[in-house]
């Protein structure tokens, strides 16, 4: 299957919702609640794993995690679309902010939150 781009994904999600007349339900409030639920379902797969186990998922669990990642991405994409936010630009903008908060010389190999860095 050829790699598809983000605009194609956004259009496919929008068309999926339109075909089912679900736009009426896709308010920012409802979408963020659904996103939260899907994120919790993703976390559930890792809940009782050790850090080492979380890096070595069996095939069945990895497929289940992939499905949940898909759900999270769908709801996040739909939320951004409804709000008129370009999520890729938002991510690049946030990376610039993070680069200022976490300069390499203070953050490399260090998991300290930015407001505690010295």
Protein backbone atom coordinates (compact mmCIF):
# COMPACT_ATOMS: atom_id res chain seq x y z
CA UNK A 1 0.00 0.00 0.00
CA UNK A 2 1.49 3.37 -0.95
CA UNK A 3 2.32 5.86 1.78
CA UNK A 4 -0.50 8.31 2.14
CA UNK A 5 -0.12 11.84 3.41
CA UNK A 6 -1.74 13.68 6.25
CA UNK A 7 -4.11 15.70 4.05
CA UNK A 8 -5.44 12.47 2.56
CA UNK A 9 -6.02 11.10 6.05
CA UNK A 10 -7.83 14.25 7.16
CA UNK A 11 -10.04 14.17 4.04
CA UNK A 12 -10.82 10.47 4.51
CA UNK A 13 -11.82 11.01 8.15
CA UNK A 14 -13.95 14.01 7.19
CA UNK A 15 -15.67 12.04 4.41
CA UNK A 16 -16.25 9.10 6.77
CA UNK A 17 -18.01 11.40 9.26
CA UNK A 18 -19.99 13.21 6.55
CA UNK A 19 -21.24 9.97 4.99
CA UNK A 20 -22.64 8.92 8.36
CA UNK A 21 -24.01 12.36 9.28
CA UNK A 22 -21.77 12.35 12.34
CA UNK A 23 -20.61 15.93 12.00
CA UNK A 24 -23.39 16.92 14.38
CA UNK A 25 -21.71 14.83 17.08
CA UNK A 26 -18.14 15.90 16.32
CA UNK A 27 -17.98 18.90 18.60
CA UNK A 28 -14.61 19.73 20.12
CA UNK A 29 -15.95 18.62 23.54
CA UNK A 30 -17.07 15.22 22.25
CA UNK A 31 -13.94 14.67 20.20
CA UNK A 32 -11.56 15.45 23.06
CA UNK A 33 -13.54 13.13 25.32
CA UNK A 34 -13.34 10.35 22.73
CA UNK A 35 -9.61 11.04 22.29
CA UNK A 36 -9.12 10.70 26.04
CA UNK A 37 -10.95 7.37 26.08
CA UNK A 38 -8.88 6.02 23.19
CA UNK A 39 -5.67 7.19 24.87
CA UNK A 40 -6.69 5.33 28.02
CA UNK A 41 -7.35 2.21 25.94
CA UNK A 42 -3.85 2.55 24.50
CA UNK A 43 -2.36 2.90 27.99
CA UNK A 44 -4.21 -0.19 29.15
CA UNK A 45 -1.95 -2.40 27.02
CA UNK A 46 1.08 -1.16 28.98
CA UNK A 47 -0.46 -0.85 32.43
CA UNK A 48 1.20 -3.79 34.16
CA UNK A 49 4.28 -4.20 31.99
CA UNK A 50 7.77 -3.45 33.18
CA UNK A 51 9.69 -0.86 31.17
CA UNK A 52 11.63 -3.69 29.53
CA UNK A 53 8.47 -5.63 28.66
CA UNK A 54 6.94 -2.51 27.13
CA UNK A 55 9.69 -2.49 24.50
CA UNK A 56 9.13 -6.15 23.52
CA UNK A 57 5.45 -6.57 22.68
CA UNK A 58 4.23 -9.86 21.27
CA UNK A 59 2.59 -9.76 17.83
CA UNK A 60 -0.98 -9.85 19.18
CA UNK A 61 -0.38 -7.00 21.62
CA UNK A 62 1.51 -4.98 19.02
CA UNK A 63 -1.45 -5.26 16.63
CA UNK A 64 -3.86 -4.18 19.39
CA UNK A 65 -1.58 -1.22 20.19
CA UNK A 66 -1.48 -0.31 16.49
CA UNK A 67 -5.29 -0.28 16.40
CA UNK A 68 -5.43 2.04 19.42
CA UNK A 69 -2.78 4.33 17.93
CA UNK A 70 -4.98 4.50 14.83
CA UNK A 71 -7.98 5.48 16.94
CA UNK A 72 -5.98 8.16 18.77
CA UNK A 73 -4.68 9.59 15.50
CA UNK A 74 -8.16 9.59 13.96
CA UNK A 75 -9.72 11.50 16.85
CA UNK A 76 -6.80 13.92 17.12
CA UNK A 77 -6.92 14.57 13.38
CA UNK A 78 -10.69 15.09 13.46
CA UNK A 79 -10.42 17.46 16.43
CA UNK A 80 -7.77 19.54 14.65
CA UNK A 81 -9.90 19.60 11.49
CA UNK A 82 -13.03 20.75 13.33
CA UNK A 83 -11.05 23.48 15.09
CA UNK A 84 -9.22 24.57 11.93
CA UNK A 85 -5.80 23.78 13.37
CA UNK A 86 -2.98 22.41 11.25
CA UNK A 87 -1.61 19.72 13.59
CA UNK A 88 1.67 19.35 11.71
CA UNK A 89 2.35 23.08 11.99
CA UNK A 90 1.29 22.99 15.64
CA UNK A 91 3.79 20.16 16.25
CA UNK A 92 6.62 22.00 14.49
CA UNK A 93 5.79 25.17 16.44
CA UNK A 94 5.79 23.21 19.69
CA UNK A 95 9.15 21.62 18.82
CA UNK A 96 10.63 25.12 18.50
CA UNK A 97 9.27 26.01 21.94
CA UNK A 98 10.59 22.73 23.36
CA UNK A 99 14.03 23.40 21.87
CA UNK A 100 14.16 26.65 23.85
CA UNK A 101 12.88 24.99 27.04
CA UNK A 102 15.23 22.03 26.72
CA UNK A 103 18.58 23.21 25.34
CA UNK A 104 20.86 20.30 24.41
CA UNK A 105 23.65 21.39 26.73
CA UNK A 106 21.33 21.19 29.77
CA UNK A 107 18.98 18.41 28.70
CA UNK A 108 21.08 15.76 26.99
CA UNK A 109 20.65 12.52 28.93
CA UNK A 110 18.61 14.35 31.56
CA UNK A 111 14.87 13.87 32.12
CA UNK A 112 14.46 16.87 34.42
CA UNK A 113 11.51 19.13 33.61
CA UNK A 114 12.50 22.43 31.97
CA UNK A 115 11.58 24.57 34.99
CA UNK A 116 14.00 22.58 37.16
CA UNK A 117 16.97 22.67 34.76
CA UNK A 118 19.97 24.67 35.87
